[in-house]
Amino acid sequence: MRTRSIAIVDDDPGVRGSLDSLVRSVGLAGRSFSNGEALLCCGEESRIACIITDLHMPGMTGIELLAELTRRGWRQPVIVMTAFPTDAARALALGGGAQAFLTKPIDPDVLLEAVERAIA
């Protein structure tokens, strides 16, 4: 049986790599996706324990991804992150079911605490 992984959805390959390294540093498995559509098409939703997504991405935004995950019945907790936080975006994310709304640059300890709470 494969370990359940933390899905990392961000259009920036540097951010994906950094977050993947971070989750792996605490013994979690990471799985990176360059956009929401790639996550939705992966066919491995049962192997995903938590989803970390950027808010602003070309194509599907993090809010749109959150809504689509809900529509499809995915039950994984979602953590939304952004370099451009607004009260409206925070309200949309948290109102849409996100477990946390974090500001980039991400504090590694804050992110890991949010992931631990989400998968507990």
N, C-alpha and C. Protein backbone atom coordinates (compact mmCIF):
# COMPACT_ATOMS: atom_id res chain seq x y z
N MET A 1 0.85 -1.19 0.00
CA MET A 1 0.00 0.00 0.00
C MET A 1 0.89 1.24 0.00
N ARG A 2 0.59 2.17 -0.89
CA ARG A 2 1.38 3.40 -0.97
C ARG A 2 0.94 4.37 0.11
N THR A 3 1.89 5.16 0.57
CA THR A 3 1.63 6.18 1.55
C THR A 3 0.78 7.28 0.92
N ARG A 4 -0.16 7.80 1.68
CA ARG A 4 -0.94 8.93 1.20
C ARG A 4 -0.04 10.15 1.14
N SER A 5 -0.26 10.99 0.16
CA SER A 5 0.65 12.10 -0.08
C SER A 5 -0.02 13.46 0.10
N ILE A 6 0.83 14.47 0.17
CA ILE A 6 0.39 15.86 0.23
C ILE A 6 0.49 16.38 -1.21
N ALA A 7 -0.64 16.78 -1.79
CA ALA A 7 -0.64 17.33 -3.14
C ALA A 7 -0.28 18.81 -3.07
N ILE A 8 0.67 19.21 -3.90
CA ILE A 8 1.13 20.59 -3.96
C ILE A 8 0.79 21.12 -5.34
N VAL A 9 -0.10 22.13 -5.39
CA VAL A 9 -0.57 22.68 -6.66
C VAL A 9 -0.11 24.13 -6.76
N ASP A 10 0.83 24.38 -7.66
CA ASP A 10 1.35 25.74 -7.84
C ASP A 10 1.96 25.82 -9.23
N ASP A 11 1.76 26.93 -9.92
CA ASP A 11 2.30 27.08 -11.26
C ASP A 11 3.78 27.41 -11.26
N ASP A 12 4.35 27.74 -10.10
CA ASP A 12 5.77 28.07 -10.00
C ASP A 12 6.56 26.82 -9.61
N PRO A 13 7.43 26.33 -10.52
CA PRO A 13 8.17 25.10 -10.21
C PRO A 13 9.08 25.24 -9.00
N GLY A 14 9.59 26.45 -8.74
CA GLY A 14 10.43 26.67 -7.57
C GLY A 14 9.65 26.49 -6.27
N VAL A 15 8.43 27.01 -6.25
CA VAL A 15 7.58 26.86 -5.07
C VAL A 15 7.22 25.38 -4.88
N ARG A 16 6.85 24.72 -5.97
CA ARG A 16 6.51 23.29 -5.86
C ARG A 16 7.69 22.51 -5.29
N GLY A 17 8.87 22.77 -5.80
CA GLY A 17 10.06 22.05 -5.33
C GLY A 17 10.35 22.33 -3.87
N SER A 18 10.24 23.57 -3.47
CA SER A 18 10.50 23.94 -2.07
C SER A 18 9.50 23.29 -1.12
N LEU A 19 8.24 23.33 -1.50
CA LEU A 19 7.22 22.74 -0.63
C LEU A 19 7.34 21.22 -0.59
N ASP A 20 7.68 20.63 -1.73
CA ASP A 20 7.89 19.18 -1.76
C ASP A 20 9.03 18.80 -0.81
N SER A 21 10.12 19.54 -0.86
CA SER A 21 11.26 19.28 0.04
C SER A 21 10.85 19.45 1.50
N LEU A 22 10.04 20.47 1.76
CA LEU A 22 9.60 20.73 3.12
C LEU A 22 8.77 19.57 3.67
N VAL A 23 7.78 19.12 2.92
CA VAL A 23 6.94 18.03 3.44
C VAL A 23 7.74 16.74 3.57
N ARG A 24 8.65 16.51 2.65
CA ARG A 24 9.48 15.31 2.74
C ARG A 24 10.43 15.37 3.94
N SER A 25 10.84 16.58 4.33
CA SER A 25 11.77 16.72 5.45
C SER A 25 11.16 16.27 6.77
N VAL A 26 9.84 16.20 6.83
CA VAL A 26 9.17 15.73 8.04
C VAL A 26 8.54 14.36 7.84
N GLY A 27 8.98 13.67 6.80
CA GLY A 27 8.55 12.30 6.59
C GLY A 27 7.25 12.11 5.83
N LEU A 28 6.73 13.17 5.24
CA LEU A 28 5.51 13.06 4.44
C LEU A 28 5.88 12.92 2.97
N ALA A 29 5.02 12.30 2.21
CA ALA A 29 5.24 12.17 0.77
C ALA A 29 4.60 13.37 0.07
N GLY A 30 5.29 13.95 -0.89
CA GLY A 30 4.75 15.06 -1.66
C GLY A 30 4.44 14.62 -3.08
N ARG A 31 3.46 15.26 -3.67
CA ARG A 31 3.11 15.02 -5.08
C ARG A 31 2.80 16.38 -5.68
N SER A 32 3.56 16.78 -6.69
CA SER A 32 3.43 18.13 -7.25
C SER A 32 2.61 18.16 -8.53
N PHE A 33 1.84 19.23 -8.67
CA PHE A 33 1.01 19.47 -9.84
C PHE A 33 1.17 20.93 -10.25
N SER A 34 1.30 21.18 -11.55
CA SER A 34 1.52 22.55 -12.03
C SER A 34 0.23 23.37 -12.12
N ASN A 35 -0.91 22.71 -12.01
CA ASN A 35 -2.19 23.42 -12.04
C ASN A 35 -3.30 22.53 -11.48
N GLY A 36 -4.44 23.15 -11.24
CA GLY A 36 -5.57 22.41 -10.68
C GLY A 36 -6.08 21.32 -11.59
N GLU A 37 -6.07 21.58 -12.88
CA GLU A 37 -6.56 20.58 -13.83
C GLU A 37 -5.73 19.29 -13.75
N ALA A 38 -4.42 19.43 -13.58
CA ALA A 38 -3.55 18.25 -13.49
C ALA A 38 -3.89 17.44 -12.24
N LEU A 39 -4.17 18.11 -11.13
CA LEU A 39 -4.58 17.39 -9.93
C LEU A 39 -5.88 16.64 -10.17
N LEU A 40 -6.85 17.32 -10.75
CA LEU A 40 -8.16 16.71 -10.96
C LEU A 40 -8.11 15.51 -11.90
N CYS A 41 -7.14 15.49 -12.79
CA CYS A 41 -7.02 14.41 -13.77
C CYS A 41 -6.06 13.30 -13.32
N CYS A 42 -5.48 13.41 -12.13
CA CYS A 42 -4.42 12.47 -11.73
C CYS A 42 -4.93 11.06 -11.49
N GLY A 43 -6.20 10.92 -11.14
CA GLY A 43 -6.74 9.59 -10.89
C GLY A 43 -6.26 8.95 -9.61
N GLU A 44 -5.65 9.73 -8.74
CA GLU A 44 -5.11 9.17 -7.50
C GLU A 44 -5.67 9.87 -6.27
N GLU A 45 -6.90 10.37 -6.37
CA GLU A 45 -7.45 11.13 -5.25
C GLU A 45 -7.48 10.34 -3.94
N SER A 46 -7.62 9.02 -4.02
CA SER A 46 -7.65 8.22 -2.78
C SER A 46 -6.29 8.16 -2.10
N ARG A 47 -5.25 8.52 -2.80
CA ARG A 47 -3.90 8.50 -2.24
C ARG A 47 -3.45 9.86 -1.73
N ILE A 48 -4.34 10.84 -1.80
CA ILE A 48 -3.99 12.20 -1.38
C ILE A 48 -4.62 12.48 -0.02
N ALA A 49 -3.78 12.89 0.93
CA ALA A 49 -4.26 13.16 2.29
C ALA A 49 -4.65 14.62 2.48
N CYS A 50 -3.99 15.52 1.75
CA CYS A 50 -4.19 16.96 1.93
C CYS A 50 -3.73 17.65 0.65
N ILE A 51 -4.34 18.79 0.35
CA ILE A 51 -4.00 19.55 -0.85
C ILE A 51 -3.57 20.95 -0.43
N ILE A 52 -2.39 21.35 -0.90
CA ILE A 52 -1.90 22.72 -0.72
C ILE A 52 -1.96 23.36 -2.10
N THR A 53 -2.68 24.46 -2.23
CA THR A 53 -2.80 25.10 -3.54
C THR A 53 -2.54 26.60 -3.47
N ASP A 54 -1.96 27.10 -4.54
CA ASP A 54 -1.80 28.54 -4.71
C ASP A 54 -3.17 29.12 -5.07
N LEU A 55 -3.37 30.37 -4.73
CA LEU A 55 -4.62 31.03 -5.07
C LEU A 55 -4.63 31.51 -6.52
N HIS A 56 -3.55 32.20 -6.92
CA HIS A 56 -3.49 32.80 -8.25
C HIS A 56 -2.65 31.94 -9.18
N MET A 57 -3.32 31.29 -10.14
CA MET A 57 -2.64 30.47 -11.15
C MET A 57 -3.33 30.70 -12.49
N PRO A 58 -2.60 30.56 -13.58
CA PRO A 58 -3.26 30.64 -14.89
C PRO A 58 -4.30 29.52 -15.01
N GLY A 59 -5.37 29.80 -15.71
CA GLY A 59 -6.43 28.79 -15.82
C GLY A 59 -7.25 28.78 -14.55
N MET A 60 -7.35 27.62 -13.95
CA MET A 60 -8.14 27.43 -12.74
C MET A 60 -7.43 28.05 -11.53
N THR A 61 -8.12 28.95 -10.82
CA THR A 61 -7.56 29.54 -9.60
C THR A 61 -7.70 28.56 -8.44
N GLY A 62 -7.05 28.87 -7.34
CA GLY A 62 -7.19 28.04 -6.15
C GLY A 62 -8.62 27.99 -5.64
N ILE A 63 -9.34 29.10 -5.73
CA ILE A 63 -10.75 29.14 -5.30
C ILE A 63 -11.59 28.26 -6.22
N GLU A 64 -11.34 28.35 -7.53
CA GLU A 64 -12.08 27.50 -8.48
C GLU A 64 -11.76 26.02 -8.26
N LEU A 65 -10.49 25.72 -7.95
CA LEU A 65 -10.11 24.35 -7.65
C LEU A 65 -10.84 23.86 -6.41
N LEU A 66 -10.88 24.66 -5.38
CA LEU A 66 -11.58 24.30 -4.16
C LEU A 66 -13.05 24.00 -4.45
N ALA A 67 -13.69 24.83 -5.24
CA ALA A 67 -15.10 24.62 -5.59
C ALA A 67 -15.28 23.33 -6.39
N GLU A 68 -14.37 23.06 -7.31
CA GLU A 68 -14.47 21.85 -8.13
C GLU A 68 -14.23 20.59 -7.30
N LEU A 69 -13.29 20.66 -6.37
CA LEU A 69 -13.05 19.53 -5.48
C LEU A 69 -14.32 19.21 -4.68
N THR A 70 -14.97 20.26 -4.18
CA THR A 70 -16.21 20.08 -3.43
C THR A 70 -17.30 19.50 -4.33
N ARG A 71 -17.42 20.04 -5.54
CA ARG A 71 -18.44 19.55 -6.48
C ARG A 71 -18.24 18.07 -6.79
N ARG A 72 -16.98 17.64 -6.89
CA ARG A 72 -16.67 16.25 -7.21
C ARG A 72 -16.71 15.32 -5.99
N GLY A 73 -16.90 15.90 -4.82
CA GLY A 73 -16.99 15.09 -3.62
C GLY A 73 -15.66 14.70 -3.00
N TRP A 74 -14.59 15.39 -3.40
CA TRP A 74 -13.29 15.13 -2.77
C TRP A 74 -13.39 15.66 -1.34
N ARG A 75 -12.90 14.90 -0.40
CA ARG A 75 -13.01 15.28 1.01
C ARG A 75 -11.68 15.68 1.65
N GLN A 76 -10.62 15.74 0.86
CA GLN A 76 -9.32 16.09 1.41
C GLN A 76 -9.33 17.54 1.89
N PRO A 77 -8.68 17.79 3.01
CA PRO A 77 -8.54 19.18 3.46
C PRO A 77 -7.67 19.96 2.48
N VAL A 78 -8.00 21.24 2.31
CA VAL A 78 -7.29 22.09 1.36
C VAL A 78 -6.72 23.29 2.11
N ILE A 79 -5.45 23.58 1.84
CA ILE A 79 -4.78 24.76 2.36
C ILE A 79 -4.51 25.68 1.18
N VAL A 80 -5.01 26.91 1.25
CA VAL A 80 -4.82 27.88 0.17
C VAL A 80 -3.73 28.86 0.59
N MET A 81 -2.83 29.15 -0.35
CA MET A 81 -1.74 30.11 -0.08
C MET A 81 -1.69 31.14 -1.20
N THR A 82 -1.24 32.34 -0.85
CA THR A 82 -1.15 33.41 -1.84
C THR A 82 -0.13 34.46 -1.42
N ALA A 83 0.47 35.08 -2.41
CA ALA A 83 1.37 36.21 -2.16
C ALA A 83 0.59 37.52 -2.14
N PHE A 84 -0.70 37.45 -2.52
CA PHE A 84 -1.52 38.66 -2.61
C PHE A 84 -2.81 38.48 -1.81
N PRO A 85 -2.69 38.42 -0.48
CA PRO A 85 -3.88 38.18 0.33
C PRO A 85 -4.80 39.40 0.38
N THR A 86 -6.08 39.12 0.30
CA THR A 86 -7.09 40.16 0.52
C THR A 86 -8.14 39.56 1.45
N ASP A 87 -8.89 40.43 2.09
CA ASP A 87 -9.96 39.94 2.97
C ASP A 87 -10.98 39.16 2.16
N ALA A 88 -11.26 39.62 0.94
CA ALA A 88 -12.25 38.94 0.09
C ALA A 88 -11.77 37.54 -0.28
N ALA A 89 -10.49 37.42 -0.65
CA ALA A 89 -9.95 36.10 -1.01
C ALA A 89 -9.95 35.18 0.19
N ARG A 90 -9.58 35.69 1.34
CA ARG A 90 -9.60 34.88 2.57
C ARG A 90 -11.02 34.38 2.85
N ALA A 91 -11.99 35.28 2.73
CA ALA A 91 -13.39 34.90 2.99
C ALA A 91 -13.86 33.85 1.99
N LEU A 92 -13.50 34.01 0.72
CA LEU A 92 -13.90 33.03 -0.30
C LEU A 92 -13.28 31.66 -0.02
N ALA A 93 -11.99 31.66 0.32
CA ALA A 93 -11.30 30.40 0.56
C ALA A 93 -11.86 29.69 1.79
N LEU A 94 -11.92 30.40 2.89
CA LEU A 94 -12.40 29.77 4.13
C LEU A 94 -13.89 29.45 4.05
N GLY A 95 -14.65 30.33 3.40
CA GLY A 95 -16.07 30.07 3.21
C GLY A 95 -16.33 28.89 2.28
N GLY A 96 -15.37 28.65 1.38
CA GLY A 96 -15.48 27.53 0.45
C GLY A 96 -14.99 26.22 1.02
N GLY A 97 -14.52 26.26 2.26
CA GLY A 97 -14.12 25.02 2.91
C GLY A 97 -12.64 24.82 3.14
N ALA A 98 -11.80 25.80 2.77
CA ALA A 98 -10.37 25.65 3.00
C ALA A 98 -10.10 25.54 4.50
N GLN A 99 -9.13 24.70 4.85
CA GLN A 99 -8.73 24.52 6.24
C GLN A 99 -7.90 25.68 6.74
N ALA A 100 -7.14 26.30 5.83
CA ALA A 100 -6.26 27.41 6.21
C ALA A 100 -6.03 28.30 4.99
N PHE A 101 -5.70 29.55 5.26
CA PHE A 101 -5.38 30.54 4.24
C PHE A 101 -4.07 31.18 4.66
N LEU A 102 -2.99 30.89 3.94
CA LEU A 102 -1.65 31.32 4.33
C LEU A 102 -1.07 32.30 3.33
N THR A 103 -0.21 33.18 3.82
CA THR A 103 0.42 34.20 2.99
C THR A 103 1.84 33.81 2.64
N LYS A 104 2.18 33.96 1.35
CA LYS A 104 3.56 33.76 0.88
C LYS A 104 4.34 35.04 1.16
N PRO A 105 5.61 34.97 1.45
CA PRO A 105 6.35 33.72 1.55
C PRO A 105 5.88 32.91 2.75
N ILE A 106 5.75 31.64 2.53
CA ILE A 106 5.21 30.73 3.54
C ILE A 106 6.23 30.50 4.66
N ASP A 107 5.76 30.64 5.89
CA ASP A 107 6.57 30.28 7.04
C ASP A 107 6.50 28.75 7.13
N PRO A 108 7.62 28.06 7.00
CA PRO A 108 7.60 26.59 6.99
C PRO A 108 6.91 25.99 8.21
N ASP A 109 7.14 26.54 9.39
CA ASP A 109 6.52 26.00 10.60
C ASP A 109 5.01 26.17 10.58
N VAL A 110 4.54 27.32 10.10
CA VAL A 110 3.10 27.57 10.02
C VAL A 110 2.46 26.60 9.03
N LEU A 111 3.11 26.39 7.89
CA LEU A 111 2.56 25.47 6.90
C LEU A 111 2.52 24.04 7.45
N LEU A 112 3.60 23.60 8.05
CA LEU A 112 3.62 22.24 8.59
C LEU A 112 2.59 22.05 9.69
N GLU A 113 2.38 23.08 10.53
CA GLU A 113 1.34 22.99 11.55
C GLU A 113 -0.04 22.88 10.91
N ALA A 114 -0.27 23.64 9.83
CA ALA A 114 -1.56 23.58 9.13
C ALA A 114 -1.76 22.19 8.51
N VAL A 115 -0.72 21.64 7.93
CA VAL A 115 -0.82 20.30 7.34
C VAL A 115 -1.10 19.27 8.43
N GLU A 116 -0.37 19.36 9.53
CA GLU A 116 -0.58 18.39 10.62
C GLU A 116 -2.00 18.47 11.15
N ARG A 117 -2.54 19.68 11.32
CA ARG A 117 -3.94 19.82 11.77
C ARG A 117 -4.89 19.23 10.74
N ALA A 118 -4.59 19.47 9.47
CA ALA A 118 -5.49 19.02 8.41
C ALA A 118 -5.55 17.50 8.29
N ILE A 119 -4.43 16.82 8.51
CA ILE A 119 -4.41 15.38 8.30
C ILE A 119 -4.60 14.59 9.60
N ALA A 120 -4.71 15.29 10.72
CA ALA A 120 -4.88 14.61 12.02
C ALA A 120 -6.20 13.88 12.11
